[in-house]
């Protein structure tokens, strides 16, 4: 296995800000999708507003990650 699929849920608050929940890491997109479908009917997840984003499914995000590779912070970060 060289790739995993991370399932997250993002709830954006009307007054600003967001709450990101990592729900699981799966060995296939199909397993991550099954987990998303289990979560989408639970309290809170079912009530969260739909995020108007092409990669979002009512706040859920499935993101593939390649194992043993950096995820994009290879230049560090700054705090503003």
N, C-alpha and C. Protein backbone atom coordinates (compact mmCIF):
# COMPACT_ATOMS: atom_id res chain seq x y z
N UNK A 1 0.86 -1.18 0.00
CA UNK A 1 0.00 0.00 0.00
C UNK A 1 0.90 1.23 0.00
N UNK A 2 0.65 2.13 -0.93
CA UNK A 2 1.43 3.36 -0.99
C UNK A 2 0.57 4.60 -0.79
N UNK A 3 -0.75 4.41 -0.75
CA UNK A 3 -1.64 5.56 -0.62
C UNK A 3 -2.73 5.23 0.40
N UNK A 4 -3.11 6.26 1.17
CA UNK A 4 -4.23 6.15 2.11
C UNK A 4 -5.20 7.29 1.82
N UNK A 5 -6.41 7.16 2.35
CA UNK A 5 -7.45 8.16 2.12
C UNK A 5 -7.94 8.66 3.47
N UNK A 6 -7.78 9.96 3.68
CA UNK A 6 -8.15 10.59 4.95
C UNK A 6 -9.54 11.21 4.79
N UNK A 7 -10.43 10.85 5.73
CA UNK A 7 -11.79 11.39 5.74
C UNK A 7 -11.89 12.45 6.83
N UNK A 8 -12.31 13.65 6.43
CA UNK A 8 -12.50 14.76 7.37
C UNK A 8 -13.87 15.37 7.15
N UNK A 9 -14.35 16.05 8.18
CA UNK A 9 -15.57 16.84 8.06
C UNK A 9 -15.27 18.25 8.51
N UNK A 10 -15.70 19.23 7.71
CA UNK A 10 -15.50 20.64 8.03
C UNK A 10 -16.86 21.29 8.22
N UNK A 11 -17.05 21.89 9.39
CA UNK A 11 -18.28 22.64 9.68
C UNK A 11 -17.89 24.11 9.76
N UNK A 12 -18.42 24.91 8.85
CA UNK A 12 -18.14 26.34 8.82
C UNK A 12 -19.24 27.06 9.60
N UNK A 13 -18.83 27.88 10.57
CA UNK A 13 -19.79 28.61 11.39
C UNK A 13 -20.22 29.89 10.68
N UNK A 14 -21.49 30.26 10.84
CA UNK A 14 -22.02 31.46 10.19
C UNK A 14 -21.26 32.71 10.60
N UNK A 15 -20.82 32.79 11.87
CA UNK A 15 -20.11 33.97 12.36
C UNK A 15 -18.62 33.94 12.02
N UNK A 16 -18.20 32.93 11.27
CA UNK A 16 -16.80 32.79 10.88
C UNK A 16 -16.13 31.67 11.64
N UNK A 17 -15.05 31.21 11.12
CA UNK A 17 -14.33 30.11 11.73
C UNK A 17 -14.88 28.77 11.27
N UNK A 18 -14.15 27.74 11.62
CA UNK A 18 -14.57 26.40 11.22
C UNK A 18 -14.08 25.37 12.21
N UNK A 19 -14.73 24.24 12.20
CA UNK A 19 -14.40 23.11 13.06
C UNK A 19 -14.09 21.93 12.15
N UNK A 20 -12.84 21.47 12.16
CA UNK A 20 -12.42 20.36 11.31
C UNK A 20 -12.27 19.12 12.17
N UNK A 21 -12.93 18.04 11.74
CA UNK A 21 -12.85 16.77 12.46
C UNK A 21 -12.24 15.73 11.54
N UNK A 22 -11.16 15.06 11.98
CA UNK A 22 -10.60 13.94 11.24
C UNK A 22 -11.36 12.70 11.67
N UNK A 23 -12.01 12.04 10.73
CA UNK A 23 -12.87 10.90 11.04
C UNK A 23 -12.20 9.56 10.84
N UNK A 24 -11.17 9.50 10.01
CA UNK A 24 -10.50 8.22 9.83
C UNK A 24 -9.53 8.22 8.67
N UNK A 25 -8.71 7.18 8.63
CA UNK A 25 -7.74 6.96 7.56
C UNK A 25 -8.02 5.56 7.00
N UNK A 26 -8.19 5.46 5.69
CA UNK A 26 -8.65 4.23 5.06
C UNK A 26 -7.71 3.79 3.94
N UNK A 27 -7.71 2.51 3.67
CA UNK A 27 -6.82 1.94 2.66
C UNK A 27 -7.37 2.10 1.24
N UNK A 28 -8.62 2.51 1.08
CA UNK A 28 -9.18 2.73 -0.25
C UNK A 28 -10.21 3.85 -0.20
N UNK A 29 -10.43 4.47 -1.35
CA UNK A 29 -11.46 5.52 -1.45
C UNK A 29 -12.84 4.92 -1.16
N UNK A 30 -13.05 3.68 -1.59
CA UNK A 30 -14.35 3.04 -1.37
C UNK A 30 -14.64 2.90 0.13
N UNK A 31 -13.64 2.49 0.92
CA UNK A 31 -13.84 2.37 2.37
C UNK A 31 -14.07 3.73 3.01
N UNK A 32 -13.37 4.76 2.53
CA UNK A 32 -13.58 6.12 3.05
C UNK A 32 -14.97 6.60 2.72
N UNK A 33 -15.45 6.30 1.53
CA UNK A 33 -16.81 6.69 1.13
C UNK A 33 -17.85 5.98 1.98
N UNK A 34 -17.63 4.71 2.27
CA UNK A 34 -18.56 3.98 3.15
C UNK A 34 -18.61 4.61 4.54
N UNK A 35 -17.45 5.01 5.06
CA UNK A 35 -17.40 5.67 6.37
C UNK A 35 -18.12 7.02 6.33
N UNK A 36 -17.94 7.76 5.24
CA UNK A 36 -18.63 9.04 5.08
C UNK A 36 -20.14 8.82 5.12
N UNK A 37 -20.61 7.80 4.44
CA UNK A 37 -22.05 7.53 4.41
C UNK A 37 -22.57 7.12 5.79
N UNK A 38 -21.76 6.44 6.59
CA UNK A 38 -22.17 6.11 7.96
C UNK A 38 -22.28 7.36 8.82
N UNK A 39 -21.35 8.30 8.63
CA UNK A 39 -21.32 9.52 9.44
C UNK A 39 -22.40 10.52 9.05
N UNK A 40 -22.73 10.60 7.78
CA UNK A 40 -23.61 11.67 7.28
C UNK A 40 -25.00 11.66 7.90
N UNK A 41 -25.43 10.54 8.50
CA UNK A 41 -26.76 10.47 9.10
C UNK A 41 -26.74 10.72 10.61
N UNK A 42 -25.55 10.87 11.19
CA UNK A 42 -25.41 11.07 12.63
C UNK A 42 -25.71 12.52 13.02
N UNK A 43 -26.15 12.73 14.27
CA UNK A 43 -26.41 14.10 14.74
C UNK A 43 -25.18 15.00 14.52
N UNK A 44 -25.43 16.21 14.16
CA UNK A 44 -24.36 17.17 13.90
C UNK A 44 -23.92 17.11 12.45
N UNK A 45 -23.48 15.93 12.00
CA UNK A 45 -23.06 15.80 10.60
C UNK A 45 -24.26 16.01 9.67
N UNK A 46 -25.40 15.46 10.03
CA UNK A 46 -26.59 15.59 9.20
C UNK A 46 -27.10 17.03 9.17
N UNK A 47 -26.80 17.80 10.22
CA UNK A 47 -27.30 19.16 10.34
C UNK A 47 -26.34 20.23 9.82
N UNK A 48 -25.09 19.83 9.54
CA UNK A 48 -24.07 20.80 9.12
C UNK A 48 -24.42 21.36 7.74
N UNK A 49 -24.15 22.64 7.54
CA UNK A 49 -24.46 23.24 6.24
C UNK A 49 -23.57 22.67 5.14
N UNK A 50 -24.11 22.65 3.94
CA UNK A 50 -23.34 22.19 2.79
C UNK A 50 -22.31 23.25 2.41
N UNK A 51 -21.08 22.82 2.26
CA UNK A 51 -20.04 23.74 1.80
C UNK A 51 -20.07 23.79 0.28
N UNK A 52 -20.16 24.98 -0.27
CA UNK A 52 -20.24 25.12 -1.73
C UNK A 52 -18.85 24.96 -2.32
N UNK A 53 -18.41 23.74 -2.42
CA UNK A 53 -17.08 23.45 -2.92
C UNK A 53 -17.14 22.16 -3.74
N UNK A 54 -16.48 22.14 -4.91
CA UNK A 54 -16.56 20.95 -5.76
C UNK A 54 -15.97 19.71 -5.11
N UNK A 55 -15.00 19.88 -4.22
CA UNK A 55 -14.40 18.71 -3.58
C UNK A 55 -15.07 18.36 -2.26
N UNK A 56 -16.17 19.00 -1.98
CA UNK A 56 -16.88 18.77 -0.73
C UNK A 56 -18.20 18.06 -0.98
N UNK A 57 -18.55 17.17 -0.09
CA UNK A 57 -19.84 16.51 -0.12
C UNK A 57 -20.50 16.78 1.22
N UNK A 58 -21.19 17.93 1.33
CA UNK A 58 -21.84 18.36 2.56
C UNK A 58 -20.85 18.44 3.72
N UNK A 59 -19.69 19.00 3.47
CA UNK A 59 -18.69 19.20 4.51
C UNK A 59 -17.69 18.08 4.63
N UNK A 60 -17.94 16.95 3.97
CA UNK A 60 -17.00 15.83 4.03
C UNK A 60 -15.94 15.98 2.95
N UNK A 61 -14.73 15.59 3.29
CA UNK A 61 -13.61 15.62 2.34
C UNK A 61 -12.87 14.30 2.44
N UNK A 62 -12.61 13.69 1.30
CA UNK A 62 -11.76 12.51 1.24
C UNK A 62 -10.52 12.93 0.45
N UNK A 63 -9.37 12.86 1.12
CA UNK A 63 -8.13 13.32 0.50
C UNK A 63 -7.12 12.18 0.45
N UNK A 64 -6.59 11.88 -0.75
CA UNK A 64 -5.56 10.85 -0.83
C UNK A 64 -4.20 11.39 -0.38
N UNK A 65 -3.45 10.57 0.33
CA UNK A 65 -2.09 10.91 0.74
C UNK A 65 -1.17 9.75 0.40
N UNK A 66 -0.03 10.06 -0.17
CA UNK A 66 0.98 9.05 -0.45
C UNK A 66 1.82 8.85 0.80
N UNK A 67 2.01 7.60 1.18
CA UNK A 67 2.80 7.29 2.37
C UNK A 67 4.26 7.67 2.17
N UNK A 68 4.91 8.06 3.25
CA UNK A 68 6.34 8.37 3.27
C UNK A 68 6.71 9.58 2.43
N UNK A 69 5.76 10.51 2.24
CA UNK A 69 6.03 11.77 1.54
C UNK A 69 5.57 12.94 2.40
N UNK A 70 6.28 14.06 2.30
CA UNK A 70 5.86 15.27 2.99
C UNK A 70 4.54 15.76 2.41
N UNK A 71 3.76 16.48 3.22
CA UNK A 71 2.44 16.92 2.78
C UNK A 71 2.37 18.39 2.39
N UNK A 72 3.49 19.04 2.20
CA UNK A 72 3.44 20.41 1.70
C UNK A 72 3.98 21.47 2.63
N UNK A 73 4.50 21.09 3.79
CA UNK A 73 5.06 22.08 4.72
C UNK A 73 6.58 22.07 4.65
N UNK A 74 7.13 21.77 3.49
CA UNK A 74 8.58 21.62 3.35
C UNK A 74 9.35 22.94 3.38
N UNK A 75 8.64 24.08 3.42
CA UNK A 75 9.30 25.37 3.54
C UNK A 75 9.02 26.03 4.90
N UNK A 76 8.40 25.29 5.81
CA UNK A 76 8.07 25.83 7.13
C UNK A 76 6.80 26.64 7.10
N UNK A 77 6.62 27.52 8.11
CA UNK A 77 5.43 28.37 8.17
C UNK A 77 5.76 29.62 8.99
N UNK A 78 4.89 30.63 8.84
CA UNK A 78 5.01 31.84 9.65
C UNK A 78 3.68 32.12 10.28
N UNK A 79 3.69 32.82 11.39
CA UNK A 79 2.46 33.25 12.06
C UNK A 79 2.29 34.73 11.84
N UNK A 80 1.12 35.13 11.36
CA UNK A 80 0.87 36.55 11.05
C UNK A 80 0.05 37.16 12.16
